Amino acid sequence: MRPHASRSGWRHGASKQPRKELILMNHHRLKCYCILLDVAKKLPTLVQSLPRGEAYLIDQLKRALSSAILNLSEGNGRIYYKERRRFFNISTASIAECMSCLDILLSYNLISDSLYSEICSDLKMSYAMIRKLSLVLGSRF
């Protein structure tokens, strides 16, 4: 028998209960992912302020934002650089679509200037971060 293990295979003094730790996936560590989730948390405020007939714009914004978040996380889970870049590029295109939806909402006077600026600032920051990730991957070929 090894000196550090008992007959049951457990080390003396070690708990037999599995450790309960929060295991973060790789995309949770990306600041751009967290920023995009923060933008998603701001959408209910925007939805409440819109009149009934403009729901299609919010629906489009939600779908584009979901696409940006999901493609970012899927791309970050890929092993091959080309695949990662492809998903990152889709994510940035979805962010651009979000920006266009916000531009339309602003031009229709359906969103306040302050909320528009706040959300656009976050989207631009995450866009730049994802583009940088994509460019770094491109330099590895």
N, C-alpha and C. Protein backbone atom coordinates (compact mmCIF):
# COMPACT_ATOMS: atom_id res chain seq x y z
N MET A 1 0.85 -1.18 0.00
CA MET A 1 0.00 0.00 0.00
C MET A 1 0.89 1.24 0.00
N ARG A 2 0.50 2.22 -0.79
CA ARG A 2 1.26 3.46 -0.84
C ARG A 2 1.09 4.19 0.48
N PRO A 3 2.11 4.94 0.90
CA PRO A 3 2.03 5.61 2.19
C PRO A 3 0.98 6.71 2.26
N HIS A 4 0.63 7.33 1.14
CA HIS A 4 -0.30 8.47 1.20
C HIS A 4 -1.75 8.07 0.95
N ALA A 5 -2.02 6.82 0.71
CA ALA A 5 -3.38 6.40 0.42
C ALA A 5 -3.82 5.31 1.40
N SER A 6 -5.07 5.30 1.74
CA SER A 6 -5.62 4.25 2.58
C SER A 6 -6.07 3.10 1.70
N ARG A 7 -6.60 2.07 2.31
CA ARG A 7 -7.09 0.93 1.55
C ARG A 7 -8.23 1.29 0.61
N SER A 8 -8.99 2.27 1.02
CA SER A 8 -10.13 2.66 0.18
C SER A 8 -9.72 3.51 -1.02
N GLY A 9 -8.46 3.89 -1.06
CA GLY A 9 -7.97 4.70 -2.18
C GLY A 9 -8.00 6.19 -1.92
N TRP A 10 -8.57 6.61 -0.80
CA TRP A 10 -8.63 8.02 -0.45
C TRP A 10 -7.46 8.36 0.44
N ARG A 11 -6.92 9.54 0.27
CA ARG A 11 -5.85 10.00 1.15
C ARG A 11 -6.40 10.27 2.53
N HIS A 12 -5.57 10.02 3.52
CA HIS A 12 -5.99 10.29 4.89
C HIS A 12 -6.28 11.78 5.03
N GLY A 13 -7.38 12.11 5.66
CA GLY A 13 -7.74 13.50 5.89
C GLY A 13 -8.49 14.13 4.74
N ALA A 14 -8.54 13.46 3.59
CA ALA A 14 -9.26 14.03 2.44
C ALA A 14 -10.74 13.67 2.55
N SER A 15 -11.56 14.59 2.19
CA SER A 15 -13.00 14.37 2.22
C SER A 15 -13.39 13.44 1.09
N LYS A 16 -14.34 12.57 1.36
CA LYS A 16 -14.81 11.67 0.31
C LYS A 16 -15.88 12.33 -0.55
N GLN A 17 -16.32 13.51 -0.17
CA GLN A 17 -17.31 14.25 -0.94
C GLN A 17 -16.61 14.95 -2.10
N PRO A 18 -17.20 14.94 -3.29
CA PRO A 18 -16.59 15.69 -4.40
C PRO A 18 -16.63 17.19 -4.10
N ARG A 19 -15.60 17.86 -4.52
CA ARG A 19 -15.53 19.30 -4.29
C ARG A 19 -16.54 20.00 -5.18
N LYS A 20 -17.24 20.95 -4.59
CA LYS A 20 -18.22 21.72 -5.34
C LYS A 20 -17.60 23.06 -5.70
N GLU A 21 -17.16 23.17 -6.94
CA GLU A 21 -16.56 24.40 -7.42
C GLU A 21 -17.32 24.86 -8.65
N LEU A 22 -17.31 26.14 -8.82
CA LEU A 22 -17.89 26.71 -10.03
C LEU A 22 -16.84 26.58 -11.14
N ILE A 23 -17.18 25.82 -12.14
CA ILE A 23 -16.25 25.64 -13.26
C ILE A 23 -16.67 26.59 -14.37
N LEU A 24 -15.82 27.53 -14.69
CA LEU A 24 -16.12 28.49 -15.74
C LEU A 24 -15.71 27.93 -17.09
N MET A 25 -16.58 28.07 -18.07
CA MET A 25 -16.23 27.72 -19.43
C MET A 25 -15.35 28.85 -19.96
N ASN A 26 -14.65 28.58 -21.04
CA ASN A 26 -13.73 29.59 -21.59
C ASN A 26 -14.42 30.89 -21.95
N HIS A 27 -15.64 30.83 -22.50
CA HIS A 27 -16.30 32.07 -22.92
C HIS A 27 -16.70 32.94 -21.74
N HIS A 28 -16.87 32.36 -20.56
CA HIS A 28 -17.20 33.17 -19.38
C HIS A 28 -16.03 34.08 -18.98
N ARG A 29 -14.86 33.72 -19.39
CA ARG A 29 -13.67 34.50 -19.04
C ARG A 29 -13.44 35.67 -19.99
N LEU A 30 -14.17 35.71 -21.09
CA LEU A 30 -14.02 36.79 -22.06
C LEU A 30 -14.79 38.02 -21.60
N LYS A 31 -14.09 39.14 -21.55
CA LYS A 31 -14.75 40.38 -21.13
C LYS A 31 -15.84 40.79 -22.13
N CYS A 32 -15.59 40.56 -23.42
CA CYS A 32 -16.59 40.92 -24.43
C CYS A 32 -17.87 40.11 -24.25
N TYR A 33 -17.76 38.88 -23.80
CA TYR A 33 -18.94 38.05 -23.53
C TYR A 33 -19.76 38.66 -22.39
N CYS A 34 -19.07 39.05 -21.33
CA CYS A 34 -19.74 39.65 -20.17
C CYS A 34 -20.41 40.97 -20.53
N ILE A 35 -19.75 41.75 -21.39
CA ILE A 35 -20.33 43.03 -21.83
C ILE A 35 -21.61 42.79 -22.63
N LEU A 36 -21.57 41.80 -23.52
CA LEU A 36 -22.76 41.50 -24.32
C LEU A 36 -23.91 41.01 -23.44
N LEU A 37 -23.59 40.24 -22.40
CA LEU A 37 -24.64 39.82 -21.47
C LEU A 37 -25.22 41.01 -20.72
N ASP A 38 -24.37 41.98 -20.39
CA ASP A 38 -24.87 43.20 -19.74
C ASP A 38 -25.83 43.96 -20.65
N VAL A 39 -25.52 43.99 -21.93
CA VAL A 39 -26.43 44.64 -22.89
C VAL A 39 -27.76 43.90 -22.91
N ALA A 40 -27.70 42.57 -22.89
CA ALA A 40 -28.94 41.77 -22.89
C ALA A 40 -29.78 42.07 -21.65
N LYS A 41 -29.14 42.36 -20.54
CA LYS A 41 -29.86 42.69 -19.30
C LYS A 41 -30.54 44.06 -19.37
N LYS A 42 -30.07 44.92 -20.27
CA LYS A 42 -30.66 46.25 -20.42
C LYS A 42 -31.87 46.25 -21.35
N LEU A 43 -32.07 45.18 -22.10
CA LEU A 43 -33.17 45.15 -23.07
C LEU A 43 -34.56 45.23 -22.44
N PRO A 44 -34.81 44.61 -21.29
CA PRO A 44 -36.16 44.77 -20.71
C PRO A 44 -36.56 46.23 -20.48
N THR A 45 -35.60 47.06 -20.11
CA THR A 45 -35.88 48.49 -19.93
C THR A 45 -36.31 49.11 -21.25
N LEU A 46 -35.65 48.72 -22.30
CA LEU A 46 -35.97 49.24 -23.63
C LEU A 46 -37.33 48.74 -24.10
N VAL A 47 -37.62 47.47 -23.85
CA VAL A 47 -38.88 46.87 -24.29
C VAL A 47 -40.07 47.57 -23.65
N GLN A 48 -39.97 47.91 -22.39
CA GLN A 48 -41.07 48.54 -21.67
C GLN A 48 -41.42 49.92 -22.21
N SER A 49 -40.44 50.58 -22.80
CA SER A 49 -40.68 51.95 -23.26
C SER A 49 -41.25 52.02 -24.68
N LEU A 50 -41.30 50.91 -25.38
CA LEU A 50 -41.76 50.93 -26.77
C LEU A 50 -43.27 50.79 -26.89
N PRO A 51 -43.85 51.48 -27.87
CA PRO A 51 -45.28 51.28 -28.14
C PRO A 51 -45.52 49.89 -28.75
N ARG A 52 -46.74 49.44 -28.70
CA ARG A 52 -47.09 48.10 -29.14
C ARG A 52 -46.68 47.76 -30.58
N GLY A 53 -46.82 48.64 -31.49
CA GLY A 53 -46.59 48.35 -32.91
C GLY A 53 -45.13 48.22 -33.31
N GLU A 54 -44.22 48.46 -32.42
CA GLU A 54 -42.80 48.43 -32.76
C GLU A 54 -42.09 47.19 -32.23
N ALA A 55 -42.84 46.16 -31.89
CA ALA A 55 -42.26 44.94 -31.31
C ALA A 55 -41.31 44.24 -32.28
N TYR A 56 -41.54 44.39 -33.58
CA TYR A 56 -40.69 43.72 -34.56
C TYR A 56 -39.23 44.19 -34.46
N LEU A 57 -39.02 45.47 -34.11
CA LEU A 57 -37.65 45.96 -33.97
C LEU A 57 -36.96 45.35 -32.75
N ILE A 58 -37.69 45.23 -31.66
CA ILE A 58 -37.12 44.61 -30.46
C ILE A 58 -36.85 43.14 -30.71
N ASP A 59 -37.76 42.48 -31.42
CA ASP A 59 -37.56 41.07 -31.74
C ASP A 59 -36.29 40.89 -32.56
N GLN A 60 -36.10 41.75 -33.55
CA GLN A 60 -34.90 41.69 -34.38
C GLN A 60 -33.65 41.96 -33.55
N LEU A 61 -33.72 42.93 -32.66
CA LEU A 61 -32.59 43.27 -31.79
C LEU A 61 -32.25 42.11 -30.86
N LYS A 62 -33.27 41.48 -30.30
CA LYS A 62 -33.03 40.33 -29.42
C LYS A 62 -32.38 39.18 -30.17
N ARG A 63 -32.87 38.90 -31.37
CA ARG A 63 -32.30 37.80 -32.15
C ARG A 63 -30.86 38.09 -32.55
N ALA A 64 -30.57 39.32 -32.94
CA ALA A 64 -29.21 39.69 -33.33
C ALA A 64 -28.26 39.63 -32.13
N LEU A 65 -28.72 40.11 -30.99
CA LEU A 65 -27.89 40.08 -29.79
C LEU A 65 -27.65 38.64 -29.33
N SER A 66 -28.69 37.83 -29.40
CA SER A 66 -28.53 36.41 -29.05
C SER A 66 -27.53 35.74 -29.98
N SER A 67 -27.62 36.05 -31.25
CA SER A 67 -26.68 35.50 -32.23
C SER A 67 -25.25 35.92 -31.92
N ALA A 68 -25.06 37.17 -31.56
CA ALA A 68 -23.72 37.66 -31.22
C ALA A 68 -23.14 36.90 -30.03
N ILE A 69 -23.95 36.73 -29.00
CA ILE A 69 -23.48 36.05 -27.79
C ILE A 69 -23.22 34.57 -28.06
N LEU A 70 -24.16 33.93 -28.74
CA LEU A 70 -24.04 32.48 -28.97
C LEU A 70 -22.88 32.15 -29.91
N ASN A 71 -22.70 32.95 -30.96
CA ASN A 71 -21.59 32.68 -31.88
C ASN A 71 -20.24 32.96 -31.23
N LEU A 72 -20.18 33.94 -30.36
CA LEU A 72 -18.94 34.21 -29.63
C LEU A 72 -18.58 33.02 -28.75
N SER A 73 -19.55 32.51 -28.01
CA SER A 73 -19.25 31.39 -27.12
C SER A 73 -18.95 30.11 -27.92
N GLU A 74 -19.67 29.89 -29.01
CA GLU A 74 -19.39 28.70 -29.82
C GLU A 74 -18.03 28.79 -30.47
N GLY A 75 -17.69 29.96 -30.98
CA GLY A 75 -16.38 30.14 -31.60
C GLY A 75 -15.25 29.96 -30.61
N ASN A 76 -15.46 30.43 -29.41
CA ASN A 76 -14.41 30.30 -28.40
C ASN A 76 -14.22 28.85 -27.97
N GLY A 77 -15.23 28.02 -28.20
CA GLY A 77 -15.11 26.61 -27.86
C GLY A 77 -14.49 25.77 -28.96
N ARG A 78 -14.27 26.35 -30.10
CA ARG A 78 -13.68 25.62 -31.22
C ARG A 78 -12.16 25.50 -31.07
N ILE A 79 -11.62 24.44 -31.62
CA ILE A 79 -10.18 24.17 -31.48
C ILE A 79 -9.39 24.80 -32.62
N TYR A 80 -9.91 24.71 -33.83
CA TYR A 80 -9.16 25.16 -34.99
C TYR A 80 -9.36 26.67 -35.21
N TYR A 81 -8.27 27.33 -35.55
CA TYR A 81 -8.28 28.79 -35.68
C TYR A 81 -9.27 29.27 -36.74
N LYS A 82 -9.34 28.58 -37.88
CA LYS A 82 -10.25 29.02 -38.94
C LYS A 82 -11.70 28.97 -38.48
N GLU A 83 -12.06 27.93 -37.76
CA GLU A 83 -13.42 27.82 -37.25
C GLU A 83 -13.71 28.93 -36.24
N ARG A 84 -12.76 29.16 -35.36
CA ARG A 84 -12.94 30.21 -34.36
C ARG A 84 -13.16 31.56 -35.03
N ARG A 85 -12.32 31.89 -36.02
CA ARG A 85 -12.45 33.17 -36.72
C ARG A 85 -13.81 33.29 -37.40
N ARG A 86 -14.29 32.20 -37.99
CA ARG A 86 -15.58 32.23 -38.69
C ARG A 86 -16.70 32.59 -37.71
N PHE A 87 -16.72 31.96 -36.55
CA PHE A 87 -17.76 32.27 -35.56
C PHE A 87 -17.60 33.68 -34.99
N PHE A 88 -16.35 34.11 -34.79
CA PHE A 88 -16.13 35.47 -34.30
C PHE A 88 -16.61 36.50 -35.32
N ASN A 89 -16.40 36.21 -36.61
CA ASN A 89 -16.87 37.12 -37.65
C ASN A 89 -18.39 37.18 -37.70
N ILE A 90 -19.05 36.06 -37.51
CA ILE A 90 -20.52 36.05 -37.45
C ILE A 90 -20.99 36.87 -36.25
N SER A 91 -20.29 36.73 -35.13
CA SER A 91 -20.65 37.48 -33.93
C SER A 91 -20.53 38.98 -34.15
N THR A 92 -19.47 39.42 -34.80
CA THR A 92 -19.31 40.86 -35.04
C THR A 92 -20.36 41.37 -36.03
N ALA A 93 -20.72 40.54 -37.00
CA ALA A 93 -21.78 40.95 -37.94
C ALA A 93 -23.11 41.09 -37.20
N SER A 94 -23.36 40.23 -36.25
CA SER A 94 -24.60 40.33 -35.45
C SER A 94 -24.58 41.58 -34.57
N ILE A 95 -23.42 41.95 -34.08
CA ILE A 95 -23.31 43.19 -33.30
C ILE A 95 -23.61 44.39 -34.19
N ALA A 96 -23.12 44.36 -35.42
CA ALA A 96 -23.42 45.45 -36.36
C ALA A 96 -24.92 45.52 -36.62
N GLU A 97 -25.59 44.38 -36.68
CA GLU A 97 -27.04 44.36 -36.87
C GLU A 97 -27.74 44.97 -35.65
N CYS A 98 -27.23 44.68 -34.47
CA CYS A 98 -27.79 45.29 -33.24
C CYS A 98 -27.68 46.81 -33.31
N MET A 99 -26.52 47.28 -33.77
CA MET A 99 -26.30 48.73 -33.88
C MET A 99 -27.31 49.35 -34.85
N SER A 100 -27.58 48.66 -35.95
CA SER A 100 -28.54 49.16 -36.93
C SER A 100 -29.95 49.22 -36.35
N CYS A 101 -30.31 48.21 -35.58
CA CYS A 101 -31.63 48.23 -34.91
C CYS A 101 -31.73 49.42 -33.96
N LEU A 102 -30.68 49.67 -33.22
CA LEU A 102 -30.68 50.81 -32.29
C LEU A 102 -30.74 52.13 -33.05
N ASP A 103 -30.06 52.21 -34.19
CA ASP A 103 -30.12 53.43 -35.01
C ASP A 103 -31.54 53.71 -35.48
N ILE A 104 -32.23 52.64 -35.88
CA ILE A 104 -33.62 52.80 -36.33
C ILE A 104 -34.49 53.25 -35.17
N LEU A 105 -34.32 52.62 -34.01
CA LEU A 105 -35.10 53.01 -32.84
C LEU A 105 -34.86 54.48 -32.47
N LEU A 106 -33.61 54.92 -32.58
CA LEU A 106 -33.28 56.31 -32.28
C LEU A 106 -33.89 57.25 -33.32
N SER A 107 -33.83 56.87 -34.58
CA SER A 107 -34.38 57.73 -35.63
C SER A 107 -35.90 57.85 -35.53
N TYR A 108 -36.57 56.83 -34.99
CA TYR A 108 -38.01 56.87 -34.76
C TYR A 108 -38.36 57.51 -33.41
N ASN A 109 -37.36 58.01 -32.70
CA ASN A 109 -37.54 58.59 -31.36
C ASN A 109 -38.19 57.62 -30.38
N LEU A 110 -37.79 56.36 -30.47
CA LEU A 110 -38.36 55.32 -29.59
C LEU A 110 -37.40 54.93 -28.47
N ILE A 111 -36.22 55.53 -28.47
CA ILE A 111 -35.22 55.22 -27.45
C ILE A 111 -34.57 56.54 -27.03
N SER A 112 -34.25 56.65 -25.77
CA SER A 112 -33.62 57.89 -25.30
C SER A 112 -32.17 57.95 -25.76
N ASP A 113 -31.67 59.16 -25.88
CA ASP A 113 -30.28 59.34 -26.29
C ASP A 113 -29.32 58.70 -25.30
N SER A 114 -29.62 58.80 -24.01
CA SER A 114 -28.72 58.25 -23.00
C SER A 114 -28.67 56.72 -23.06
N LEU A 115 -29.81 56.07 -23.21
CA LEU A 115 -29.82 54.60 -23.30
C LEU A 115 -29.16 54.15 -24.60
N TYR A 116 -29.44 54.88 -25.69
CA TYR A 116 -28.80 54.58 -26.97
C TYR A 116 -27.28 54.65 -26.84
N SER A 117 -26.78 55.74 -26.26
CA SER A 117 -25.33 55.91 -26.10
C SER A 117 -24.71 54.83 -25.23
N GLU A 118 -25.40 54.50 -24.16
CA GLU A 118 -24.90 53.49 -23.23
C GLU A 118 -24.79 52.11 -23.91
N ILE A 119 -25.86 51.71 -24.59
CA ILE A 119 -25.85 50.39 -25.24
C ILE A 119 -24.87 50.37 -26.40
N CYS A 120 -24.85 51.44 -27.20
CA CYS A 120 -23.93 51.50 -28.34
C CYS A 120 -22.47 51.46 -27.89
N SER A 121 -22.17 52.11 -26.80
CA SER A 121 -20.81 52.10 -26.28
C SER A 121 -20.39 50.68 -25.91
N ASP A 122 -21.27 49.96 -25.25
CA ASP A 122 -20.97 48.57 -24.89
C ASP A 122 -20.81 47.69 -26.12
N LEU A 123 -21.69 47.88 -27.09
CA LEU A 123 -21.61 47.08 -28.32
C LEU A 123 -20.32 47.36 -29.09
N LYS A 124 -19.94 48.64 -29.17
CA LYS A 124 -18.70 48.99 -29.88
C LYS A 124 -17.47 48.41 -29.18
N MET A 125 -17.50 48.43 -27.85
CA MET A 125 -16.37 47.89 -27.10
C MET A 125 -16.25 46.38 -27.32
N SER A 126 -17.36 45.67 -27.26
CA SER A 126 -17.31 44.23 -27.47
C SER A 126 -16.95 43.90 -28.93
N TYR A 127 -17.45 44.71 -29.85
CA TYR A 127 -17.10 44.52 -31.27
C TYR A 127 -15.59 44.61 -31.46
N ALA A 128 -14.98 45.64 -30.88
CA ALA A 128 -13.53 45.83 -31.01
C ALA A 128 -12.76 44.67 -30.38
N MET A 129 -13.24 44.19 -29.25
CA MET A 129 -12.56 43.07 -28.58
C MET A 129 -12.62 41.79 -29.41
N ILE A 130 -13.79 41.53 -29.98
CA ILE A 130 -13.94 40.31 -30.79
C ILE A 130 -13.13 40.42 -32.08
N ARG A 131 -13.12 41.61 -32.69
CA ARG A 131 -12.30 41.81 -33.91
C ARG A 131 -10.82 41.56 -33.60
N LYS A 132 -10.39 42.03 -32.44
CA LYS A 132 -8.99 41.82 -32.06
C LYS A 132 -8.71 40.33 -31.88
N LEU A 133 -9.64 39.61 -31.24
CA LEU A 133 -9.47 38.17 -31.11
C LEU A 133 -9.36 37.51 -32.47
N SER A 134 -10.21 37.93 -33.39
CA SER A 134 -10.21 37.37 -34.73
C SER A 134 -8.92 37.70 -35.47
N LEU A 135 -8.42 38.91 -35.33
CA LEU A 135 -7.18 39.30 -36.00
C LEU A 135 -5.97 38.58 -35.44
N VAL A 136 -5.97 38.36 -34.14
CA VAL A 136 -4.87 37.61 -33.52
C VAL A 136 -4.85 36.19 -34.07
N LEU A 137 -6.03 35.60 -34.23
CA LEU A 137 -6.10 34.25 -34.80
C LEU A 137 -5.64 34.25 -36.24
N GLY A 138 -5.95 35.32 -36.98
CA GLY A 138 -5.55 35.40 -38.38
C GLY A 138 -4.05 35.47 -38.56
N SER A 139 -3.35 36.01 -37.58
CA SER A 139 -1.90 36.12 -37.69
C SER A 139 -1.20 34.80 -37.41
N ARG A 140 -1.93 33.78 -37.00
CA ARG A 140 -1.32 32.49 -36.69
C ARG A 140 -1.25 31.58 -37.91
N PHE A 141 -1.79 32.01 -39.05
CA PHE A 141 -1.74 31.18 -40.26
C PHE A 141 -0.45 31.41 -40.99
